[in-house]
Amino acid sequence: MGAVPAYFGAMAVEHWWLRRRRERRGPTPADYEPRDTRASLLMGVGSLVVPLVADRIARRVAPGFGRWGKPLLAATAAAAVVTTIADRVGAGPDEQIRPDSGVAIRTRSDRRRARRLARKIASAGGVATIAAGTTAATSALAMASTPDRMFGRRLLPDLGGGPWALALAVLGWDLIYYWNHRFMHESRFMWAIHVVHHSSEHYNLSTALRQPVADMFGLFVPSTLLCLLGVRPELVATARGVNLLYQFWIHTDAIRRIGPLETVLNTPSHHRVHHGSNKRYIDRNHGSILIIWDRLFGTFAAEDPDEPVVYGLTKNIDTFNPARIATHEYADMLREVAGSTTWSDRLGFVLRSPGWAYARRAEMAAGDEAAATLRANNPYREQAQDANLANQ
């Protein structure tokens, strides 16, 4: 909390500087937009408040820890079974083309109604399975990896509270952060958490405060793994604070380059790339304090002065409503799960990459549209209608 006045003071200075630059050079995406800034600040408050409630929920529903853990697992299994059965019943089209005539013949009305009902059940059951299953998995991991529990099971002796132990905590946290940050860009349900931070089409210090509120629903590499190495929980908490403080200042366009330190440290230039929706910048520069992890693991990209960064998402949501910002990806994801008819697609829309999900969504929509077009343009449409009546 002590850093809050510094945050607002830095934003005031940056706002003043950007306003002067705008008077000389014209507007840029780095300028403060009141509604955008307000949304970012509200999301920052939400990221502090919502986890308090989510933690209480997790303690009650985590399998192996909370009283509702076993019922949650039972509900997940039951929903999966019902959905699988409904998939079988609802499989197949409600009409088929007779090969010798091209006439579309509908199935019997009772069978057609049964299939449609089964598809509705499968739609709801798929969503229930995914929602309950991810809640069970993520809450169990959160409870199993608390700092005190991990430190109590440490594999190495207590490293104490000295500077070397703190340095290891900061370095270790930074490496774990890199992988978690990378996973948040490579798995859809993790992206649904992190997309909040990328949703702004502006880039200034207020963007740093636009933080996720749904961390409970993520399968992160636990930072408390450091506790297994003998790092004390309080040092892990300090490392987290250092990491957050460092990330604030790199969300600016006012600082262009910082010389040779660009090779080792994450900087405003490197992080501007990370927030870019340009094809060459997408999913690059995941580091927090150090950029060496990106260089080492092949995710580094330098800012190109000939290709200005375009901030935001590949498809922007065009809203300043914090509730919509926080939930839009979840809404899209669950809508796609509801529209799926196989477990491969349901799990794919959740676990696979955002790019795969968006491509598959377009493919499914194109398939539905093509089927509708074929039905509408069927040259035997009148004959088909007569045949349908006869079949009923």
Protein backbone atom coordinates (compact mmCIF):
# COMPACT_ATOMS: atom_id res chain seq x y z
CA MET A 1 0.00 0.00 0.00
CA GLY A 2 2.96 2.29 0.61
CA ALA A 3 3.68 2.31 -3.11
CA VAL A 4 0.24 3.68 -4.03
CA PRO A 5 1.15 7.39 -3.60
CA ALA A 6 4.26 6.77 -5.70
CA TYR A 7 2.13 5.14 -8.40
CA PHE A 8 -0.22 8.09 -8.63
CA GLY A 9 2.63 10.59 -8.45
CA ALA A 10 4.42 8.87 -11.33
CA MET A 11 1.21 8.77 -13.38
CA ALA A 12 0.70 12.50 -12.79
CA VAL A 13 4.22 13.28 -14.02
CA GLU A 14 3.82 11.00 -17.04
CA HIS A 15 0.44 12.55 -17.88
CA TRP A 16 1.96 16.03 -17.76
CA TRP A 17 4.86 14.97 -19.99
CA LEU A 18 2.60 13.18 -22.50
CA ARG A 19 0.28 16.19 -22.68
CA ARG A 20 3.20 18.44 -23.55
CA ARG A 21 4.39 15.95 -26.19
CA ARG A 22 0.89 15.81 -27.63
CA GLU A 23 0.86 19.57 -28.03
CA ARG A 24 4.09 19.37 -30.04
CA ARG A 25 3.61 16.14 -32.04
CA GLY A 26 -0.05 15.22 -31.89
CA PRO A 27 -1.87 12.36 -30.14
CA THR A 28 -0.41 8.88 -29.60
CA PRO A 29 -1.74 5.61 -28.10
CA ALA A 30 0.31 6.42 -25.00
CA ASP A 31 -1.91 9.37 -24.07
CA TYR A 32 -4.24 9.06 -21.10
CA GLU A 33 -7.88 8.50 -22.03
CA PRO A 34 -10.08 9.21 -18.99
CA ARG A 35 -12.46 6.26 -19.44
CA ASP A 36 -9.61 3.87 -20.17
CA THR A 37 -7.62 5.06 -17.16
CA ARG A 38 -10.68 4.78 -14.93
CA ALA A 39 -11.23 1.19 -16.10
CA SER A 40 -7.60 0.33 -15.40
CA LEU A 41 -7.76 1.76 -11.88
CA LEU A 42 -11.01 -0.09 -11.14
CA MET A 43 -9.46 -3.32 -12.39
CA GLY A 44 -6.52 -2.67 -10.09
CA VAL A 45 -8.85 -2.35 -7.11
CA GLY A 46 -10.67 -5.49 -8.20
CA SER A 47 -7.39 -7.43 -8.34
CA LEU A 48 -6.90 -6.66 -4.64
CA VAL A 49 -10.46 -7.31 -3.46
CA VAL A 50 -11.69 -10.26 -5.54
CA PRO A 51 -8.86 -12.65 -4.50
CA LEU A 52 -9.90 -12.22 -0.87
CA VAL A 53 -13.32 -13.62 -1.70
CA ALA A 54 -11.92 -16.23 -4.11
CA ASP A 55 -9.54 -17.53 -1.45
CA ARG A 56 -12.45 -18.18 0.90
CA ILE A 57 -14.30 -20.03 -1.82
CA ALA A 58 -11.23 -22.08 -2.71
CA ARG A 59 -10.82 -23.21 0.90
CA ARG A 60 -14.35 -24.61 0.86
CA VAL A 61 -14.43 -26.29 -2.56
CA ALA A 62 -10.85 -27.59 -2.96
CA PRO A 63 -10.91 -31.41 -3.16
CA GLY A 64 -8.95 -32.84 -0.26
CA PHE A 65 -9.19 -29.61 1.71
CA GLY A 66 -12.73 -28.20 1.80
CA ARG A 67 -16.07 -29.68 2.80
CA TRP A 68 -17.46 -29.19 -0.70
CA GLY A 69 -14.49 -30.76 -2.47
CA LYS A 70 -15.94 -34.26 -2.84
CA PRO A 71 -19.40 -33.05 -3.94
CA LEU A 72 -17.69 -30.84 -6.53
CA LEU A 73 -15.76 -33.82 -7.93
CA ALA A 74 -18.94 -35.91 -7.95
CA ALA A 75 -20.79 -33.15 -9.80
CA THR A 76 -17.97 -32.93 -12.35
CA ALA A 77 -18.03 -36.68 -12.98
CA ALA A 78 -21.83 -36.80 -13.21
CA ALA A 79 -21.95 -33.89 -15.65
CA ALA A 80 -19.27 -35.55 -17.81
CA VAL A 81 -21.19 -38.84 -17.95
CA VAL A 82 -24.50 -37.15 -18.79
CA THR A 83 -22.80 -35.04 -21.46
CA THR A 84 -21.14 -38.06 -23.05
CA ILE A 85 -24.42 -39.97 -23.21
CA ALA A 86 -26.20 -36.93 -24.62
CA ASP A 87 -23.48 -36.59 -27.27
CA ARG A 88 -24.23 -40.12 -28.43
CA VAL A 89 -27.99 -39.59 -28.52
CA GLY A 90 -27.72 -36.23 -30.24
CA ALA A 91 -25.20 -37.36 -32.87
CA GLY A 92 -26.20 -37.18 -36.52
CA PRO A 93 -28.09 -34.60 -38.57
CA ASP A 94 -31.81 -33.98 -38.36
CA GLU A 95 -31.98 -34.49 -42.09
CA GLN A 96 -30.04 -36.36 -44.71
CA ILE A 97 -29.69 -36.15 -48.49
CA ARG A 98 -31.06 -39.10 -50.46
CA PRO A 99 -28.18 -40.06 -52.82
CA ASP A 100 -30.38 -40.89 -55.82
CA SER A 101 -32.40 -37.68 -55.81
CA GLY A 102 -30.67 -35.05 -53.72
CA VAL A 103 -33.84 -34.70 -51.67
CA ALA A 104 -33.37 -33.79 -48.00
CA ILE A 105 -35.32 -36.24 -45.87
CA ARG A 106 -35.96 -35.40 -42.24
CA THR A 107 -35.78 -38.07 -39.59
CA ARG A 108 -38.96 -39.06 -37.77
CA SER A 109 -40.30 -36.25 -35.59
CA ASP A 110 -39.87 -38.13 -32.29
CA ARG A 111 -36.26 -38.98 -33.10
CA ARG A 112 -35.63 -35.41 -34.18
CA ARG A 113 -37.02 -34.05 -30.92
CA ALA A 114 -34.91 -36.50 -28.92
CA ARG A 115 -31.76 -35.42 -30.72
CA ARG A 116 -32.46 -31.75 -30.17
CA LEU A 117 -33.13 -32.30 -26.48
CA ALA A 118 -29.95 -34.35 -26.17
CA ARG A 119 -27.93 -31.56 -27.78
CA LYS A 120 -29.31 -29.04 -25.30
CA ILE A 121 -28.42 -31.36 -22.41
CA ALA A 122 -24.93 -31.90 -23.85
CA SER A 123 -24.49 -28.15 -24.24
CA ALA A 124 -25.34 -27.45 -20.60
CA GLY A 125 -23.51 -30.53 -19.36
CA GLY A 126 -20.32 -29.63 -21.21
CA VAL A 127 -20.26 -26.17 -19.64
CA ALA A 128 -21.00 -27.62 -16.17
CA THR A 129 -18.22 -30.20 -16.52
CA ILE A 130 -15.64 -27.65 -17.61
CA ALA A 131 -16.63 -25.08 -14.97
CA ALA A 132 -16.75 -27.57 -12.10
CA GLY A 133 -13.64 -29.44 -13.22
CA THR A 134 -11.44 -26.37 -13.56
CA THR A 135 -12.67 -25.02 -10.23
CA ALA A 136 -11.79 -28.31 -8.55
CA ALA A 137 -8.35 -28.52 -10.15
CA THR A 138 -7.31 -24.92 -9.62
CA SER A 139 -8.57 -24.66 -6.04
CA ALA A 140 -6.86 -27.94 -5.09
CA LEU A 141 -3.54 -26.72 -6.53
CA ALA A 142 -3.88 -23.39 -4.73
CA MET A 143 -4.49 -25.07 -1.38
CA ALA A 144 -1.76 -27.68 -1.88
CA SER A 145 0.89 -25.08 -2.70
CA THR A 146 0.46 -22.53 0.07
CA PRO A 147 3.80 -21.10 1.27
CA ASP A 148 3.65 -22.57 4.76
CA ARG A 149 2.69 -26.03 3.49
CA MET A 150 5.50 -26.06 0.93
CA PHE A 151 8.07 -24.74 3.39
CA GLY A 152 7.04 -27.43 5.85
CA ARG A 153 7.92 -30.02 3.21
CA ARG A 154 11.14 -28.37 2.06
CA LEU A 155 13.76 -30.55 0.44
CA LEU A 156 16.69 -28.34 1.48
CA PRO A 157 17.58 -26.73 4.81
CA ASP A 158 16.23 -23.31 5.74
CA LEU A 159 18.34 -20.75 3.87
CA GLY A 160 17.68 -18.06 6.45
CA GLY A 161 16.76 -14.45 5.87
CA GLY A 162 20.03 -13.03 4.51
CA PRO A 163 20.76 -11.23 1.24
CA TRP A 164 21.75 -14.39 -0.64
CA ALA A 165 18.46 -16.07 0.22
CA LEU A 166 16.58 -12.94 -0.86
CA ALA A 167 18.54 -12.80 -4.14
CA LEU A 168 17.64 -16.44 -4.82
CA ALA A 169 14.00 -15.68 -4.06
CA VAL A 170 13.92 -12.73 -6.49
CA LEU A 171 15.74 -14.64 -9.24
CA GLY A 172 13.64 -17.77 -8.74
CA TRP A 173 10.40 -15.81 -8.72
CA ASP A 174 11.43 -14.09 -11.95
CA LEU A 175 12.05 -17.41 -13.70
CA ILE A 176 8.76 -18.91 -12.46
CA TYR A 177 6.98 -15.71 -13.49
CA TYR A 178 8.37 -16.05 -17.01
CA TRP A 179 6.90 -19.54 -17.43
CA ASN A 180 3.56 -18.64 -15.88
CA HIS A 181 3.34 -15.54 -18.06
CA ARG A 182 4.18 -17.58 -21.13
CA PHE A 183 1.55 -20.22 -20.24
CA MET A 184 -1.01 -17.42 -19.91
CA HIS A 185 -0.44 -16.64 -23.58
CA GLU A 186 -0.37 -20.26 -24.75
CA SER A 187 -3.38 -21.81 -23.02
CA ARG A 188 -6.89 -20.40 -23.50
CA PHE A 189 -8.19 -20.67 -19.95
CA MET A 190 -4.99 -19.04 -18.69
CA TRP A 191 -5.32 -16.34 -21.37
CA ALA A 192 -8.85 -15.66 -20.10
CA ILE A 193 -7.22 -14.53 -16.85
CA HIS A 194 -4.47 -12.46 -18.44
CA VAL A 195 -6.35 -10.91 -21.36
CA VAL A 196 -7.56 -8.24 -18.93
CA HIS A 197 -4.08 -6.75 -18.85
CA HIS A 198 -3.84 -6.62 -22.64
CA SER A 199 -7.31 -5.24 -23.28
CA SER A 200 -6.35 -1.56 -23.29
CA GLU A 201 -5.58 0.12 -26.60
CA HIS A 202 -3.51 2.67 -24.69
CA TYR A 203 -0.14 2.19 -23.06
CA ASN A 204 0.92 4.23 -20.06
CA LEU A 205 1.57 3.71 -16.36
CA SER A 206 -2.13 3.28 -15.62
CA THR A 207 -2.05 0.16 -17.82
CA ALA A 208 0.23 -1.48 -15.27
CA LEU A 209 -2.63 -1.37 -12.76
CA ARG A 210 -5.09 -3.14 -15.10
CA GLN A 211 -4.58 -6.47 -13.39
CA PRO A 212 -6.45 -9.80 -13.57
CA VAL A 213 -9.07 -10.60 -10.95
CA ALA A 214 -9.54 -14.33 -11.62
CA ASP A 215 -6.16 -15.82 -10.66
CA MET A 216 -8.01 -18.51 -8.72
CA PHE A 217 -9.00 -20.10 -12.04
CA GLY A 218 -5.44 -20.65 -13.24
CA LEU A 219 -3.09 -23.63 -13.05
CA PHE A 220 0.11 -21.75 -12.33
CA VAL A 221 3.56 -23.10 -11.65
CA PRO A 222 3.56 -22.37 -7.90
CA SER A 223 6.01 -19.67 -6.90
CA THR A 224 6.07 -21.48 -3.56
CA LEU A 225 8.26 -24.13 -5.20
CA LEU A 226 10.99 -21.84 -3.92
CA CYS A 227 9.92 -22.81 -0.40
CA LEU A 228 10.81 -26.42 -1.21
CA LEU A 229 14.36 -25.16 -1.78
CA GLY A 230 14.51 -23.67 1.70
CA VAL A 231 13.44 -20.10 0.85
CA ARG A 232 11.31 -18.72 3.63
CA PRO A 233 7.69 -17.76 2.82
CA GLU A 234 8.27 -14.15 3.85
CA LEU A 235 11.13 -13.89 1.34
CA VAL A 236 8.90 -15.30 -1.40
CA ALA A 237 6.35 -12.60 -0.52
CA THR A 238 9.09 -9.95 -0.68
CA ALA A 239 10.21 -11.27 -4.08
CA ARG A 240 6.64 -10.96 -5.33
CA GLY A 241 6.53 -7.34 -4.16
CA VAL A 242 9.84 -6.53 -5.86
CA ASN A 243 8.55 -8.13 -9.05
CA LEU A 244 5.33 -6.10 -9.02
CA LEU A 245 7.13 -2.85 -8.30
CA TYR A 246 9.54 -3.41 -11.17
CA GLN A 247 6.76 -4.09 -13.65
CA PHE A 248 5.09 -0.74 -12.99
CA TRP A 249 7.72 1.50 -14.57
CA ILE A 250 8.08 -0.49 -17.80
CA HIS A 251 4.51 0.39 -18.84
CA THR A 252 5.45 3.69 -20.43
CA ASP A 253 6.21 5.24 -23.79
CA ALA A 254 8.05 8.16 -22.23
CA ILE A 255 11.28 6.14 -21.89
CA ARG A 256 12.59 4.90 -25.21
CA ARG A 257 15.87 3.01 -24.50
CA ILE A 258 18.20 2.56 -21.52
CA GLY A 259 21.38 1.57 -23.34
CA PRO A 260 23.37 -1.64 -22.68
CA LEU A 261 21.00 -2.69 -19.88
CA GLU A 262 18.47 -3.54 -22.61
CA THR A 263 20.44 -6.77 -23.10
CA VAL A 264 19.73 -8.07 -19.60
CA LEU A 265 16.74 -6.23 -18.16
CA ASN A 266 13.15 -6.04 -19.25
CA THR A 267 12.59 -2.43 -20.26
CA PRO A 268 9.79 -0.18 -21.51
CA SER A 269 10.89 -0.92 -25.07
CA HIS A 270 10.76 -4.69 -24.57
CA HIS A 271 7.44 -4.53 -22.76
CA ARG A 272 5.86 -2.33 -25.39
CA VAL A 273 6.53 -5.21 -27.76
CA HIS A 274 4.79 -7.58 -25.37
CA HIS A 275 1.64 -5.44 -25.47
CA GLY A 276 1.62 -5.26 -29.26
CA SER A 277 -1.05 -6.91 -31.39
CA ASN A 278 1.23 -6.73 -34.45
CA LYS A 279 1.86 -10.21 -35.82
CA ARG A 280 5.61 -10.03 -35.22
CA TYR A 281 5.13 -8.91 -31.61
CA ILE A 282 2.44 -11.35 -30.44
CA ASP A 283 3.49 -13.67 -27.57
CA ARG A 284 6.93 -12.13 -27.15
CA ASN A 285 8.92 -10.81 -24.19
CA HIS A 286 7.27 -12.59 -21.26
CA GLY A 287 9.95 -11.70 -18.71
CA SER A 288 9.36 -9.45 -15.72
CA ILE A 289 12.64 -8.10 -14.37
CA LEU A 290 15.05 -9.98 -16.63
CA ILE A 291 14.75 -10.34 -20.39
CA ILE A 292 17.38 -13.09 -20.44
CA TRP A 293 14.68 -15.76 -20.06
CA ASP A 294 13.11 -14.70 -23.37
CA ARG A 295 16.48 -14.66 -25.07
CA LEU A 296 17.28 -18.09 -23.62
CA PHE A 297 13.94 -19.76 -24.46
CA GLY A 298 13.34 -18.18 -27.87
CA THR A 299 10.52 -15.71 -27.16
CA PHE A 300 12.43 -12.44 -27.51
CA ALA A 301 11.63 -9.75 -30.06
CA ALA A 302 13.14 -6.28 -30.24
CA GLU A 303 11.04 -3.18 -30.85
CA ASP A 304 11.34 -2.15 -34.48
CA PRO A 305 11.36 1.63 -34.98
CA ASP A 306 9.88 1.06 -38.44
CA GLU A 307 6.89 -0.84 -37.08
CA PRO A 308 5.14 1.06 -34.29
CA VAL A 309 3.44 -1.08 -31.69
CA VAL A 310 -0.33 -1.40 -32.06
CA TYR A 311 -1.68 -1.87 -28.54
CA GLY A 312 -4.64 -3.98 -27.55
CA LEU A 313 -6.03 -7.31 -28.75
CA THR A 314 -6.13 -8.77 -32.23
CA LYS A 315 -9.89 -8.22 -31.93
CA ASN A 316 -10.61 -5.43 -29.48
CA ILE A 317 -13.68 -5.55 -27.26
CA ASP A 318 -14.43 -1.82 -27.45
CA THR A 319 -15.62 -1.31 -23.89
CA PHE A 320 -14.55 0.46 -20.72
CA ASN A 321 -16.84 -1.63 -18.53
CA PRO A 322 -14.66 -3.43 -15.94
CA ALA A 323 -17.10 -6.34 -15.63
CA ARG A 324 -17.03 -6.88 -19.39
CA ILE A 325 -13.25 -6.52 -19.50
CA ALA A 326 -12.86 -9.15 -16.76
CA THR A 327 -15.32 -11.69 -18.17
CA HIS A 328 -15.49 -11.36 -21.95
CA GLU A 329 -13.03 -14.16 -22.70
CA TYR A 330 -14.72 -16.50 -20.22
CA ALA A 331 -18.08 -15.75 -21.83
CA ASP A 332 -16.71 -16.49 -25.30
CA MET A 333 -14.96 -19.65 -24.11
CA LEU A 334 -18.02 -21.09 -22.37
CA ARG A 335 -20.23 -20.16 -25.33
CA GLU A 336 -17.90 -22.15 -27.59
CA VAL A 337 -17.87 -25.07 -25.16
CA ALA A 338 -21.66 -24.99 -25.15
CA GLY A 339 -21.71 -25.09 -28.94
CA SER A 340 -19.33 -28.04 -29.19
CA THR A 341 -20.45 -31.61 -29.79
CA THR A 342 -17.22 -33.47 -28.94
CA TRP A 343 -14.91 -33.55 -25.95
CA SER A 344 -12.00 -32.85 -28.26
CA ASP A 345 -13.48 -29.46 -29.15
CA ARG A 346 -14.66 -28.69 -25.61
CA LEU A 347 -11.24 -29.33 -24.11
CA GLY A 348 -9.54 -27.66 -27.05
CA PHE A 349 -11.47 -24.43 -26.52
CA VAL A 350 -10.25 -24.41 -22.91
CA LEU A 351 -6.77 -25.91 -22.92
CA ARG A 352 -5.32 -25.22 -26.34
CA SER A 353 -3.93 -21.89 -27.51
CA PRO A 354 -6.12 -18.83 -28.07
CA GLY A 355 -5.09 -18.87 -31.73
CA TRP A 356 -6.32 -22.45 -32.15
CA ALA A 357 -9.59 -21.59 -30.41
CA TYR A 358 -10.28 -18.58 -32.62
CA ALA A 359 -9.46 -20.54 -35.79
CA ARG A 360 -11.66 -23.46 -34.72
CA ARG A 361 -14.50 -21.09 -33.86
CA ALA A 362 -14.32 -19.57 -37.35
CA GLU A 363 -14.18 -23.04 -38.89
CA MET A 364 -17.28 -24.18 -37.00
CA ALA A 365 -19.15 -20.98 -37.90
CA ALA A 366 -18.23 -21.43 -41.57
CA GLY A 367 -19.47 -25.02 -41.44
CA ASP A 368 -22.81 -23.99 -39.97
CA GLU A 369 -23.18 -21.23 -42.52
CA ALA A 370 -22.32 -23.58 -45.39
CA ALA A 371 -24.86 -26.13 -44.19
CA ALA A 372 -27.55 -23.44 -43.96
CA THR A 373 -26.70 -22.24 -47.46
CA LEU A 374 -26.91 -25.75 -48.87
CA ARG A 375 -30.31 -26.24 -47.29
CA ALA A 376 -31.58 -22.89 -48.55
CA ASN A 377 -30.28 -23.52 -52.09
CA ASN A 378 -31.40 -27.13 -52.33
CA PRO A 379 -32.98 -27.48 -55.82
CA TYR A 380 -35.24 -30.21 -54.48
CA ARG A 381 -36.51 -28.14 -51.58
CA GLU A 382 -40.22 -28.52 -52.41
CA GLN A 383 -39.83 -32.27 -52.94
CA ALA A 384 -37.97 -32.45 -49.64
CA GLN A 385 -40.80 -30.74 -47.80
CA ASP A 386 -43.30 -33.19 -49.27
CA ALA A 387 -41.08 -36.09 -48.34
CA ASN A 388 -40.67 -34.73 -44.82
CA LEU A 389 -44.42 -34.64 -44.35
CA ALA A 390 -44.73 -38.18 -45.66
CA ASN A 391 -41.95 -39.38 -43.35
CA GLN A 392 -43.75 -37.96 -40.32
